[in-house]
């Protein structure tokens, strides 16, 4: 099976399952696919090889006209999400074919990408796990502050990428080596070990480890 091949899905939530040895395993349940191939890109025409897949059927009135024309070529309906998977060889795929959870197997390790939960503007203690200033002598009303962020005469500025208060979450996050616990093709369900990025009903992308 091609490396980097993947599928789109929706995070349904978390639960737990019991393994054969009786141990408890926390899992995330994902409704994945089926994802029709909407476009096949080749090195000769587009400059790289990839397949574009769709997920989450949507009403026609919610799709702009250019997207209607693009997605109509596949003859599979209209979809909310379109994503590309770059592959070395796309000769095995054609427009209109479907990618399902059958491409995965229990015990396999995958990469899961999603958008993390947005937590708004946060201070350094919550955002970066700073210790904070001491709660005894010499510190007043600054207990959760980052402390000094500057330097001496040189360089006389705050370094780029300094850990500071700011927006937390709401960013693309990829977690690798997540184990697939169960695959249920008849229900289009993937059960993976542990947690994956994003909120309930959030879009996730599951790919084979490169």
N, C-alpha and C. Protein backbone atom coordinates (compact mmCIF):
# COMPACT_ATOMS: atom_id res chain seq x y z
N UNK A 1 0.85 -1.20 0.00
CA UNK A 1 0.00 0.00 0.00
C UNK A 1 0.88 1.25 0.00
N UNK A 2 0.48 2.25 -0.75
CA UNK A 2 1.30 3.45 -0.93
C UNK A 2 1.49 4.21 0.39
N UNK A 3 2.71 4.71 0.57
CA UNK A 3 2.98 5.55 1.73
C UNK A 3 2.23 6.88 1.58
N UNK A 4 1.91 7.48 2.73
CA UNK A 4 1.21 8.76 2.79
C UNK A 4 -0.24 8.69 2.32
N UNK A 5 -0.70 7.52 1.88
CA UNK A 5 -2.11 7.39 1.54
C UNK A 5 -2.93 7.54 2.80
N UNK A 6 -4.06 8.18 2.69
CA UNK A 6 -4.87 8.41 3.88
C UNK A 6 -6.34 8.56 3.58
N UNK A 7 -7.05 8.98 4.60
CA UNK A 7 -8.50 9.12 4.50
C UNK A 7 -8.92 10.24 5.44
N UNK A 8 -10.05 10.86 5.13
CA UNK A 8 -10.60 11.91 5.99
C UNK A 8 -11.69 11.33 6.87
N UNK A 9 -11.84 11.92 8.05
CA UNK A 9 -12.85 11.42 8.97
C UNK A 9 -13.32 12.48 9.94
N UNK A 10 -14.28 12.08 10.76
CA UNK A 10 -14.85 12.97 11.77
C UNK A 10 -14.70 12.33 13.14
N UNK A 11 -14.14 13.07 14.07
CA UNK A 11 -13.93 12.56 15.42
C UNK A 11 -15.28 12.48 16.15
N UNK A 12 -15.66 11.26 16.53
CA UNK A 12 -16.96 11.07 17.19
C UNK A 12 -16.86 11.20 18.70
N UNK A 13 -15.71 10.90 19.27
CA UNK A 13 -15.55 10.99 20.72
C UNK A 13 -14.64 9.89 21.23
N UNK A 14 -14.51 9.84 22.57
CA UNK A 14 -13.62 8.86 23.19
C UNK A 14 -14.42 7.88 24.04
N UNK A 15 -13.86 6.69 24.20
CA UNK A 15 -14.44 5.67 25.07
C UNK A 15 -13.30 4.75 25.48
N UNK A 16 -13.60 3.54 25.90
CA UNK A 16 -12.55 2.59 26.24
C UNK A 16 -12.97 1.20 25.81
N UNK A 17 -11.97 0.38 25.56
CA UNK A 17 -12.23 -1.01 25.20
C UNK A 17 -11.34 -1.90 26.06
N UNK A 18 -11.75 -3.16 26.17
CA UNK A 18 -10.97 -4.13 26.94
C UNK A 18 -10.23 -5.04 25.96
N UNK A 19 -8.93 -5.12 26.12
CA UNK A 19 -8.12 -6.00 25.27
C UNK A 19 -8.28 -7.46 25.71
N UNK A 20 -7.72 -8.35 24.92
CA UNK A 20 -7.86 -9.79 25.20
C UNK A 20 -7.23 -10.18 26.53
N UNK A 21 -6.20 -9.44 26.96
CA UNK A 21 -5.56 -9.76 28.24
C UNK A 21 -6.26 -9.12 29.43
N UNK A 22 -7.38 -8.43 29.18
CA UNK A 22 -8.16 -7.84 30.25
C UNK A 22 -7.80 -6.41 30.60
N UNK A 23 -6.77 -5.86 29.98
CA UNK A 23 -6.39 -4.48 30.27
C UNK A 23 -7.32 -3.50 29.56
N UNK A 24 -7.45 -2.31 30.16
CA UNK A 24 -8.32 -1.27 29.62
C UNK A 24 -7.50 -0.37 28.69
N UNK A 25 -8.06 -0.06 27.52
CA UNK A 25 -7.38 0.78 26.55
C UNK A 25 -8.28 1.96 26.18
N UNK A 26 -7.85 3.21 26.49
CA UNK A 26 -8.63 4.38 26.05
C UNK A 26 -8.53 4.56 24.55
N UNK A 27 -9.64 4.81 23.89
CA UNK A 27 -9.65 4.90 22.43
C UNK A 27 -10.47 6.09 21.96
N UNK A 28 -10.17 6.51 20.74
CA UNK A 28 -10.96 7.53 20.04
C UNK A 28 -11.65 6.88 18.85
N UNK A 29 -12.94 7.16 18.71
CA UNK A 29 -13.73 6.59 17.61
C UNK A 29 -13.84 7.64 16.50
N UNK A 30 -13.48 7.24 15.28
CA UNK A 30 -13.48 8.14 14.14
C UNK A 30 -14.34 7.56 13.02
N UNK A 31 -15.27 8.37 12.53
CA UNK A 31 -16.04 7.99 11.34
C UNK A 31 -15.24 8.43 10.13
N UNK A 32 -14.67 7.47 9.41
CA UNK A 32 -13.74 7.78 8.32
C UNK A 32 -14.27 7.28 6.98
N UNK A 33 -14.38 8.21 6.04
CA UNK A 33 -14.80 7.87 4.68
C UNK A 33 -16.26 7.43 4.61
N UNK A 34 -16.62 6.78 3.47
CA UNK A 34 -15.77 6.60 2.28
C UNK A 34 -15.47 7.92 1.59
N UNK A 35 -14.25 8.04 1.07
CA UNK A 35 -13.80 9.27 0.43
C UNK A 35 -13.60 9.04 -1.08
N UNK A 36 -14.47 9.59 -1.90
CA UNK A 36 -14.30 9.42 -3.35
C UNK A 36 -13.13 10.23 -3.87
N UNK A 37 -12.46 9.71 -4.88
CA UNK A 37 -11.37 10.43 -5.53
C UNK A 37 -11.97 11.47 -6.46
N UNK A 38 -11.71 12.75 -6.17
CA UNK A 38 -12.29 13.84 -6.96
C UNK A 38 -11.38 14.28 -8.10
N UNK A 39 -10.06 14.05 -7.94
CA UNK A 39 -9.12 14.46 -8.97
C UNK A 39 -7.83 13.67 -8.83
N UNK A 40 -7.24 13.31 -9.94
CA UNK A 40 -5.94 12.64 -9.94
C UNK A 40 -4.94 13.58 -10.59
N UNK A 41 -3.88 13.94 -9.86
CA UNK A 41 -2.87 14.87 -10.36
C UNK A 41 -1.60 14.10 -10.72
N UNK A 42 -1.02 14.43 -11.85
CA UNK A 42 0.17 13.74 -12.33
C UNK A 42 1.33 14.72 -12.49
N UNK A 43 2.53 14.16 -12.51
CA UNK A 43 3.73 14.99 -12.65
C UNK A 43 3.76 15.69 -14.00
N UNK A 44 3.23 15.06 -15.02
CA UNK A 44 3.26 15.65 -16.36
C UNK A 44 2.38 16.89 -16.46
N UNK A 45 1.24 16.85 -15.79
CA UNK A 45 0.27 17.95 -15.93
C UNK A 45 0.38 18.98 -14.81
N UNK A 46 0.37 18.52 -13.56
CA UNK A 46 0.39 19.46 -12.44
C UNK A 46 1.78 19.66 -11.82
N UNK A 47 2.73 18.81 -12.18
CA UNK A 47 4.07 18.96 -11.64
C UNK A 47 4.34 18.09 -10.44
N UNK A 48 3.35 17.38 -9.96
CA UNK A 48 3.52 16.45 -8.84
C UNK A 48 2.39 15.44 -8.89
N UNK A 49 2.58 14.33 -8.18
CA UNK A 49 1.59 13.25 -8.20
C UNK A 49 0.78 13.27 -6.90
N UNK A 50 -0.52 13.26 -7.03
CA UNK A 50 -1.39 13.29 -5.85
C UNK A 50 -2.81 12.91 -6.25
N UNK A 51 -3.57 12.53 -5.24
CA UNK A 51 -5.00 12.33 -5.44
C UNK A 51 -5.75 13.27 -4.49
N UNK A 52 -6.84 13.81 -4.99
CA UNK A 52 -7.69 14.68 -4.18
C UNK A 52 -8.96 13.93 -3.82
N UNK A 53 -9.29 13.89 -2.54
CA UNK A 53 -10.47 13.16 -2.09
C UNK A 53 -11.45 14.11 -1.40
N UNK A 54 -12.71 13.70 -1.37
CA UNK A 54 -13.75 14.50 -0.75
C UNK A 54 -14.33 13.80 0.46
N UNK A 55 -14.90 14.59 1.38
CA UNK A 55 -15.51 14.03 2.58
C UNK A 55 -16.60 14.96 3.08
N UNK A 56 -17.64 14.37 3.64
CA UNK A 56 -18.77 15.09 4.26
C UNK A 56 -19.66 15.72 3.19
N UNK A 57 -20.63 14.94 2.72
CA UNK A 57 -21.55 15.42 1.69
C UNK A 57 -22.28 16.67 2.14
N UNK A 58 -22.52 17.56 1.18
CA UNK A 58 -23.10 18.86 1.50
C UNK A 58 -24.17 19.20 0.47
N UNK A 59 -25.13 20.05 0.86
CA UNK A 59 -26.19 20.45 -0.06
C UNK A 59 -25.63 21.35 -1.17
N UNK A 60 -26.25 21.26 -2.32
CA UNK A 60 -25.78 22.02 -3.48
C UNK A 60 -25.83 23.52 -3.24
N UNK A 61 -26.82 24.00 -2.50
CA UNK A 61 -26.96 25.44 -2.29
C UNK A 61 -25.83 26.02 -1.44
N UNK A 62 -25.07 25.16 -0.78
CA UNK A 62 -23.98 25.63 0.08
C UNK A 62 -22.62 25.58 -0.61
N UNK A 63 -22.61 25.27 -1.90
CA UNK A 63 -21.36 25.15 -2.65
C UNK A 63 -21.31 26.24 -3.71
N UNK A 64 -20.17 26.93 -3.82
CA UNK A 64 -20.02 27.98 -4.82
C UNK A 64 -19.90 27.35 -6.21
N UNK A 65 -20.19 28.16 -7.23
CA UNK A 65 -20.26 27.64 -8.59
C UNK A 65 -18.95 27.01 -9.08
N UNK A 66 -17.79 27.60 -8.84
CA UNK A 66 -16.55 26.95 -9.31
C UNK A 66 -16.35 25.56 -8.71
N UNK A 67 -16.69 25.41 -7.43
CA UNK A 67 -16.56 24.11 -6.78
C UNK A 67 -17.57 23.10 -7.33
N UNK A 68 -18.76 23.59 -7.69
CA UNK A 68 -19.75 22.69 -8.28
C UNK A 68 -19.21 22.08 -9.57
N UNK A 69 -18.62 22.92 -10.41
CA UNK A 69 -18.08 22.43 -11.67
C UNK A 69 -16.93 21.47 -11.46
N UNK A 70 -16.08 21.77 -10.50
CA UNK A 70 -14.93 20.91 -10.23
C UNK A 70 -15.36 19.54 -9.71
N UNK A 71 -16.26 19.54 -8.73
CA UNK A 71 -16.66 18.28 -8.10
C UNK A 71 -17.62 17.47 -8.97
N UNK A 72 -18.32 18.13 -9.89
CA UNK A 72 -19.27 17.41 -10.74
C UNK A 72 -18.57 16.42 -11.66
N UNK A 73 -17.27 16.64 -11.93
CA UNK A 73 -16.53 15.77 -12.84
C UNK A 73 -16.41 14.36 -12.29
N UNK A 74 -16.40 14.23 -10.98
CA UNK A 74 -16.27 12.91 -10.37
C UNK A 74 -17.59 12.16 -10.34
N UNK A 75 -18.71 12.89 -10.40
CA UNK A 75 -20.02 12.26 -10.40
C UNK A 75 -20.38 11.59 -9.09
N UNK A 76 -19.80 12.06 -7.98
CA UNK A 76 -20.06 11.47 -6.67
C UNK A 76 -20.80 12.41 -5.73
N UNK A 77 -21.25 13.55 -6.23
CA UNK A 77 -21.93 14.50 -5.38
C UNK A 77 -21.00 15.63 -4.97
N UNK A 78 -21.45 16.42 -3.99
CA UNK A 78 -20.70 17.59 -3.52
C UNK A 78 -20.26 17.37 -2.07
N UNK A 79 -19.06 17.85 -1.75
CA UNK A 79 -18.49 17.58 -0.43
C UNK A 79 -17.95 18.86 0.21
N UNK A 80 -18.03 18.88 1.52
CA UNK A 80 -17.59 20.05 2.29
C UNK A 80 -16.06 20.18 2.30
N UNK A 81 -15.38 19.04 2.39
CA UNK A 81 -13.93 19.05 2.53
C UNK A 81 -13.26 18.35 1.35
N UNK A 82 -12.20 18.96 0.83
CA UNK A 82 -11.36 18.35 -0.20
C UNK A 82 -9.91 18.41 0.28
N UNK A 83 -9.24 17.27 0.23
CA UNK A 83 -7.84 17.21 0.67
C UNK A 83 -7.02 16.39 -0.32
N UNK A 84 -5.73 16.70 -0.37
CA UNK A 84 -4.84 15.98 -1.27
C UNK A 84 -3.91 15.06 -0.48
N UNK A 85 -3.59 13.93 -1.08
CA UNK A 85 -2.58 13.02 -0.55
C UNK A 85 -1.54 12.82 -1.65
N UNK A 86 -0.32 13.25 -1.40
CA UNK A 86 0.75 13.11 -2.39
C UNK A 86 1.26 11.68 -2.39
N UNK A 87 1.30 11.10 -3.57
CA UNK A 87 1.74 9.71 -3.73
C UNK A 87 2.81 9.64 -4.82
N UNK A 88 3.68 8.66 -4.71
CA UNK A 88 4.70 8.47 -5.73
C UNK A 88 4.10 7.94 -7.03
N UNK A 89 3.07 7.11 -6.90
CA UNK A 89 2.44 6.50 -8.08
C UNK A 89 0.93 6.59 -7.95
N UNK A 90 0.27 7.23 -8.90
CA UNK A 90 -1.19 7.39 -8.85
C UNK A 90 -1.88 6.58 -9.93
N UNK A 91 -1.15 5.68 -10.56
CA UNK A 91 -1.72 4.91 -11.67
C UNK A 91 -2.83 3.97 -11.22
N UNK A 92 -2.86 3.63 -9.93
CA UNK A 92 -3.86 2.69 -9.43
C UNK A 92 -5.18 3.38 -9.08
N UNK A 93 -5.24 4.71 -9.23
CA UNK A 93 -6.43 5.45 -8.83
C UNK A 93 -7.04 6.16 -10.03
N UNK A 94 -8.35 6.28 -10.00
CA UNK A 94 -9.06 6.99 -11.06
C UNK A 94 -10.17 7.80 -10.43
N UNK A 95 -10.59 8.85 -11.12
CA UNK A 95 -11.64 9.73 -10.62
C UNK A 95 -12.93 8.93 -10.43
N UNK A 96 -13.55 9.07 -9.27
CA UNK A 96 -14.79 8.37 -8.97
C UNK A 96 -14.60 7.15 -8.09
N UNK A 97 -13.39 6.60 -8.03
CA UNK A 97 -13.16 5.46 -7.13
C UNK A 97 -13.18 5.93 -5.68
N UNK A 98 -13.38 5.00 -4.76
CA UNK A 98 -13.53 5.36 -3.35
C UNK A 98 -12.41 4.77 -2.51
N UNK A 99 -12.01 5.55 -1.49
CA UNK A 99 -11.05 5.08 -0.49
C UNK A 99 -11.80 4.88 0.81
N UNK A 100 -11.69 3.68 1.37
CA UNK A 100 -12.41 3.34 2.60
C UNK A 100 -11.43 2.94 3.70
N UNK A 101 -11.97 2.63 4.86
CA UNK A 101 -11.14 2.24 6.00
C UNK A 101 -10.45 0.90 5.78
N UNK A 102 -10.78 0.21 4.69
CA UNK A 102 -10.12 -1.06 4.39
C UNK A 102 -8.62 -0.92 4.16
N UNK A 103 -8.15 0.30 3.90
CA UNK A 103 -6.72 0.49 3.66
C UNK A 103 -5.90 0.35 4.94
N UNK A 104 -6.60 0.31 6.10
CA UNK A 104 -5.92 0.16 7.38
C UNK A 104 -6.21 -1.21 7.98
N UNK A 105 -5.38 -1.60 8.94
CA UNK A 105 -5.55 -2.88 9.61
C UNK A 105 -5.26 -2.71 11.10
N UNK A 106 -5.93 -3.48 11.97
CA UNK A 106 -5.66 -3.40 13.41
C UNK A 106 -4.17 -3.65 13.70
N UNK A 107 -3.62 -2.87 14.61
CA UNK A 107 -2.22 -2.99 14.96
C UNK A 107 -1.31 -2.07 14.16
N UNK A 108 -1.83 -1.51 13.08
CA UNK A 108 -1.03 -0.61 12.24
C UNK A 108 -0.85 0.74 12.94
N UNK A 109 0.28 1.39 12.67
CA UNK A 109 0.55 2.73 13.22
C UNK A 109 0.28 3.78 12.15
N UNK A 110 -0.40 4.85 12.52
CA UNK A 110 -0.79 5.90 11.57
C UNK A 110 -0.47 7.27 12.14
N UNK A 111 -0.56 8.27 11.26
CA UNK A 111 -0.45 9.68 11.65
C UNK A 111 -1.84 10.31 11.58
N UNK A 112 -2.21 11.05 12.61
CA UNK A 112 -3.52 11.70 12.65
C UNK A 112 -3.31 13.21 12.76
N UNK A 113 -3.94 13.95 11.85
CA UNK A 113 -3.81 15.41 11.82
C UNK A 113 -5.18 16.04 12.04
N UNK A 114 -5.23 17.04 12.88
CA UNK A 114 -6.47 17.77 13.13
C UNK A 114 -6.17 19.16 13.64
N UNK A 115 -7.20 19.96 13.83
CA UNK A 115 -7.03 21.31 14.37
C UNK A 115 -7.37 21.27 15.86
N UNK A 116 -6.39 21.66 16.69
CA UNK A 116 -6.56 21.58 18.13
C UNK A 116 -7.64 22.54 18.62
N UNK A 117 -8.16 22.29 19.79
CA UNK A 117 -9.18 23.15 20.37
C UNK A 117 -8.61 24.54 20.66
N UNK A 118 -9.33 25.57 20.27
CA UNK A 118 -8.89 26.94 20.55
C UNK A 118 -9.18 27.31 22.00
N UNK A 119 -8.17 27.86 22.67
CA UNK A 119 -8.32 28.23 24.07
C UNK A 119 -8.15 29.73 24.30
N UNK A 120 -8.10 30.49 23.20
CA UNK A 120 -8.04 31.93 23.34
C UNK A 120 -6.68 32.43 23.80
N UNK A 121 -6.66 33.67 24.30
CA UNK A 121 -5.42 34.30 24.78
C UNK A 121 -5.12 33.78 26.18
N UNK A 122 -3.94 33.18 26.35
CA UNK A 122 -3.56 32.61 27.64
C UNK A 122 -2.19 33.10 28.07
N UNK A 123 -1.97 33.06 29.38
CA UNK A 123 -0.68 33.47 29.93
C UNK A 123 0.36 32.37 29.82
N UNK A 124 1.58 32.69 30.27
CA UNK A 124 2.69 31.76 30.07
C UNK A 124 2.57 30.51 30.94
N UNK A 125 1.88 30.58 32.08
CA UNK A 125 1.79 29.41 32.95
C UNK A 125 0.90 28.34 32.32
N UNK A 126 -0.20 28.73 31.71
CA UNK A 126 -1.07 27.76 31.06
C UNK A 126 -0.55 27.38 29.68
N UNK A 127 -0.03 28.36 28.96
CA UNK A 127 0.38 28.12 27.58
C UNK A 127 1.70 27.35 27.47
N UNK A 128 2.66 27.65 28.34
CA UNK A 128 3.99 27.06 28.25
C UNK A 128 4.42 26.32 29.52
N UNK A 129 3.52 26.19 30.50
CA UNK A 129 3.84 25.48 31.75
C UNK A 129 4.96 26.16 32.54
N UNK A 130 5.00 27.51 32.50
CA UNK A 130 5.99 28.22 33.31
C UNK A 130 5.71 28.00 34.80
N UNK A 131 6.75 28.09 35.59
CA UNK A 131 6.63 27.89 37.04
C UNK A 131 5.95 29.08 37.71
N UNK A 132 6.16 30.29 37.18
CA UNK A 132 5.65 31.49 37.82
C UNK A 132 6.64 32.02 38.85
N UNK A 133 6.44 33.25 39.31
CA UNK A 133 7.33 33.83 40.32
C UNK A 133 6.97 33.31 41.70
N UNK A 134 7.89 33.48 42.63
CA UNK A 134 7.68 32.95 43.97
C UNK A 134 6.54 33.67 44.68
N UNK A 135 5.92 32.99 45.61
CA UNK A 135 4.77 33.53 46.33
C UNK A 135 5.18 34.09 47.69
N UNK A 136 6.48 34.35 47.88
CA UNK A 136 6.95 34.86 49.17
C UNK A 136 7.54 36.26 49.00
N UNK A 137 8.61 36.56 49.72
CA UNK A 137 9.16 37.91 49.74
C UNK A 137 9.69 38.34 48.37
N UNK A 138 9.49 39.59 48.06
CA UNK A 138 10.07 40.16 46.85
C UNK A 138 9.20 40.09 45.62
N UNK A 139 8.04 39.45 45.68
CA UNK A 139 7.14 39.37 44.53
C UNK A 139 5.76 39.86 44.92
N UNK A 140 5.25 40.85 44.22
CA UNK A 140 3.92 41.39 44.53
C UNK A 140 3.14 41.58 43.24
N UNK A 141 2.01 40.91 43.17
CA UNK A 141 1.07 41.05 42.04
C UNK A 141 1.70 40.62 40.71
N UNK A 142 2.73 39.79 40.75
CA UNK A 142 3.37 39.34 39.51
C UNK A 142 3.58 37.83 39.55
N UNK A 143 2.81 37.13 40.36
CA UNK A 143 3.09 35.71 40.60
C UNK A 143 2.94 34.85 39.35
N UNK A 144 2.09 35.23 38.40
CA UNK A 144 1.88 34.43 37.19
C UNK A 144 2.53 35.05 35.96
N UNK A 145 3.43 36.00 36.18
CA UNK A 145 4.09 36.67 35.05
C UNK A 145 5.29 35.86 34.58
N UNK A 146 5.79 36.13 33.36
CA UNK A 146 6.93 35.37 32.83
C UNK A 146 8.27 35.79 33.38
N UNK A 147 8.32 36.88 34.14
CA UNK A 147 9.61 37.39 34.59
C UNK A 147 10.26 38.22 33.49
N UNK A 148 11.56 38.41 33.59
CA UNK A 148 12.28 39.23 32.62
C UNK A 148 12.29 38.55 31.25
N UNK A 149 12.02 39.30 30.22
CA UNK A 149 12.06 38.77 28.85
C UNK A 149 13.14 39.45 28.02
N UNK A 150 13.80 40.48 28.57
CA UNK A 150 14.77 41.26 27.82
C UNK A 150 16.19 40.78 28.02
N UNK A 151 17.12 41.56 27.51
CA UNK A 151 18.54 41.27 27.60
C UNK A 151 19.30 42.54 27.96
N UNK A 152 20.62 42.44 28.03
CA UNK A 152 21.44 43.60 28.31
C UNK A 152 21.57 44.45 27.04
N UNK A 153 22.61 45.27 27.01
CA UNK A 153 22.79 46.17 25.86
C UNK A 153 22.79 45.40 24.54
N UNK A 154 23.42 44.22 24.57
CA UNK A 154 23.35 43.35 23.39
C UNK A 154 22.52 42.13 23.73
N UNK A 155 21.52 41.74 22.96
CA UNK A 155 21.11 42.38 21.71
C UNK A 155 20.13 43.52 21.91
N UNK A 156 19.73 43.78 23.16
CA UNK A 156 18.87 44.93 23.41
C UNK A 156 17.47 44.79 22.86
N UNK A 157 17.01 43.55 22.71
CA UNK A 157 15.66 43.31 22.20
C UNK A 157 15.20 41.94 22.69
N UNK A 158 13.96 41.62 22.42
CA UNK A 158 13.42 40.30 22.77
C UNK A 158 13.63 39.37 21.58
N UNK A 159 14.22 38.21 21.84
CA UNK A 159 14.51 37.26 20.77
C UNK A 159 13.22 36.75 20.12
N UNK A 160 13.31 36.51 18.83
CA UNK A 160 12.19 35.94 18.10
C UNK A 160 11.89 34.54 18.64
N UNK A 161 10.60 34.19 18.67
CA UNK A 161 10.11 32.90 19.18
C UNK A 161 10.22 32.76 20.69
N UNK A 162 10.43 33.85 21.40
CA UNK A 162 10.42 33.82 22.86
C UNK A 162 9.04 33.38 23.35
N UNK A 163 9.01 32.50 24.33
CA UNK A 163 7.73 32.02 24.85
C UNK A 163 7.05 33.13 25.65
N UNK A 164 5.90 33.56 25.14
CA UNK A 164 5.19 34.70 25.71
C UNK A 164 3.70 34.39 25.79
N UNK A 165 2.92 35.23 26.49
CA UNK A 165 1.46 35.06 26.44
C UNK A 165 0.96 35.23 25.02
N UNK A 166 -0.15 34.57 24.69
CA UNK A 166 -0.70 34.72 23.34
C UNK A 166 -1.76 33.69 23.04
N UNK A 167 -2.12 33.60 21.76
CA UNK A 167 -3.15 32.66 21.31
C UNK A 167 -2.70 31.24 21.58
N UNK A 168 -3.59 30.43 22.19
CA UNK A 168 -3.29 29.04 22.50
C UNK A 168 -4.29 28.15 21.78
N UNK A 169 -3.78 27.10 21.14
CA UNK A 169 -4.64 26.17 20.43
C UNK A 169 -5.06 26.71 19.07
N UNK A 170 -6.10 26.08 18.50
CA UNK A 170 -6.63 26.45 17.18
C UNK A 170 -5.53 26.40 16.13
N UNK A 171 -4.71 25.35 16.19
CA UNK A 171 -3.61 25.19 15.25
C UNK A 171 -3.58 23.76 14.72
N UNK A 172 -2.99 23.58 13.55
CA UNK A 172 -2.86 22.25 12.96
C UNK A 172 -1.87 21.42 13.77
N UNK A 173 -2.32 20.25 14.19
CA UNK A 173 -1.48 19.38 15.02
C UNK A 173 -1.47 17.98 14.40
N UNK A 174 -0.28 17.38 14.32
CA UNK A 174 -0.13 16.02 13.81
C UNK A 174 0.49 15.15 14.88
N UNK A 175 -0.13 14.01 15.16
CA UNK A 175 0.40 13.05 16.12
C UNK A 175 0.74 11.77 15.38
N UNK A 176 1.97 11.30 15.53
CA UNK A 176 2.44 10.12 14.81
C UNK A 176 2.37 8.87 15.68
N UNK A 177 2.48 7.74 15.03
CA UNK A 177 2.56 6.43 15.69
C UNK A 177 1.35 6.13 16.58
N UNK A 178 0.18 6.48 16.10
CA UNK A 178 -1.05 6.13 16.81
C UNK A 178 -1.50 4.74 16.34
N UNK A 179 -1.75 3.88 17.28
CA UNK A 179 -2.10 2.49 16.95
C UNK A 179 -3.59 2.36 16.62
N UNK A 180 -3.87 1.62 15.56
CA UNK A 180 -5.26 1.30 15.22
C UNK A 180 -5.68 0.07 16.01
N UNK A 181 -6.72 0.23 16.80
CA UNK A 181 -7.21 -0.87 17.65
C UNK A 181 -8.22 -1.73 16.91
N UNK A 182 -9.10 -1.08 16.12
CA UNK A 182 -10.15 -1.84 15.43
C UNK A 182 -10.54 -1.13 14.15
N UNK A 183 -10.93 -1.89 13.15
CA UNK A 183 -11.42 -1.37 11.88
C UNK A 183 -12.77 -2.01 11.60
N UNK A 184 -13.80 -1.18 11.36
CA UNK A 184 -15.14 -1.69 11.10
C UNK A 184 -15.63 -1.15 9.75
N UNK A 185 -15.30 -1.84 8.66
CA UNK A 185 -15.64 -1.35 7.32
C UNK A 185 -17.13 -1.17 7.09
N UNK A 186 -17.95 -2.06 7.68
CA UNK A 186 -19.39 -1.98 7.45
C UNK A 186 -19.99 -0.71 8.05
N UNK A 187 -19.30 -0.11 9.03
CA UNK A 187 -19.79 1.11 9.67
C UNK A 187 -18.93 2.33 9.35
N UNK A 188 -17.89 2.13 8.54
CA UNK A 188 -16.93 3.20 8.23
C UNK A 188 -16.32 3.79 9.50
N UNK A 189 -15.92 2.92 10.41
CA UNK A 189 -15.42 3.33 11.72
C UNK A 189 -13.96 2.88 11.89
N UNK A 190 -13.14 3.80 12.41
CA UNK A 190 -11.80 3.48 12.86
C UNK A 190 -11.73 3.73 14.36
N UNK A 191 -11.15 2.80 15.10
CA UNK A 191 -10.95 2.95 16.53
C UNK A 191 -9.44 2.99 16.77
N UNK A 192 -8.95 4.12 17.28
CA UNK A 192 -7.51 4.29 17.48
C UNK A 192 -7.20 4.47 18.96
N UNK A 193 -6.00 4.08 19.35
CA UNK A 193 -5.60 4.15 20.74
C UNK A 193 -5.29 5.58 21.15
N UNK A 194 -5.79 5.98 22.33
CA UNK A 194 -5.47 7.29 22.88
C UNK A 194 -6.29 8.40 22.27
N UNK A 195 -5.76 9.60 22.40
CA UNK A 195 -6.48 10.78 21.94
C UNK A 195 -5.91 11.29 20.62
N UNK A 196 -6.74 12.04 19.90
CA UNK A 196 -6.32 12.67 18.66
C UNK A 196 -6.68 14.15 18.74
N UNK A 197 -6.00 15.00 17.97
CA UNK A 197 -6.26 16.44 18.05
C UNK A 197 -7.67 16.80 17.61
N UNK A 198 -8.20 17.86 18.22
CA UNK A 198 -9.46 18.42 17.77
C UNK A 198 -10.64 18.14 18.67
N UNK A 199 -11.72 18.88 18.47
CA UNK A 199 -12.94 18.70 19.25
C UNK A 199 -13.81 17.59 18.68
N UNK A 200 -14.88 17.28 19.38
CA UNK A 200 -15.86 16.34 18.88
C UNK A 200 -16.45 16.88 17.58
N UNK A 201 -16.64 16.00 16.59
CA UNK A 201 -17.13 16.34 15.26
C UNK A 201 -16.10 17.10 14.43
N UNK A 202 -14.88 17.21 14.93
CA UNK A 202 -13.84 17.90 14.18
C UNK A 202 -13.29 17.05 13.05
N UNK A 203 -12.81 17.70 11.99
CA UNK A 203 -12.23 16.99 10.85
C UNK A 203 -10.84 16.49 11.21
N UNK A 204 -10.57 15.23 10.89
CA UNK A 204 -9.24 14.66 11.09
C UNK A 204 -8.79 13.97 9.82
N UNK A 205 -7.49 13.92 9.63
CA UNK A 205 -6.89 13.24 8.48
C UNK A 205 -6.01 12.12 8.99
N UNK A 206 -6.29 10.90 8.57
CA UNK A 206 -5.53 9.73 9.02
C UNK A 206 -4.68 9.25 7.86
N UNK A 207 -3.36 9.19 8.07
CA UNK A 207 -2.44 8.80 7.00
C UNK A 207 -1.54 7.66 7.46
N UNK A 208 -1.08 6.90 6.51
CA UNK A 208 -0.11 5.85 6.81
C UNK A 208 1.23 6.48 7.13
N UNK A 209 1.97 5.89 8.07
CA UNK A 209 3.29 6.40 8.41
C UNK A 209 4.21 6.28 7.20
N UNK A 210 4.96 7.35 6.96
CA UNK A 210 5.88 7.35 5.81
C UNK A 210 7.07 6.44 6.08
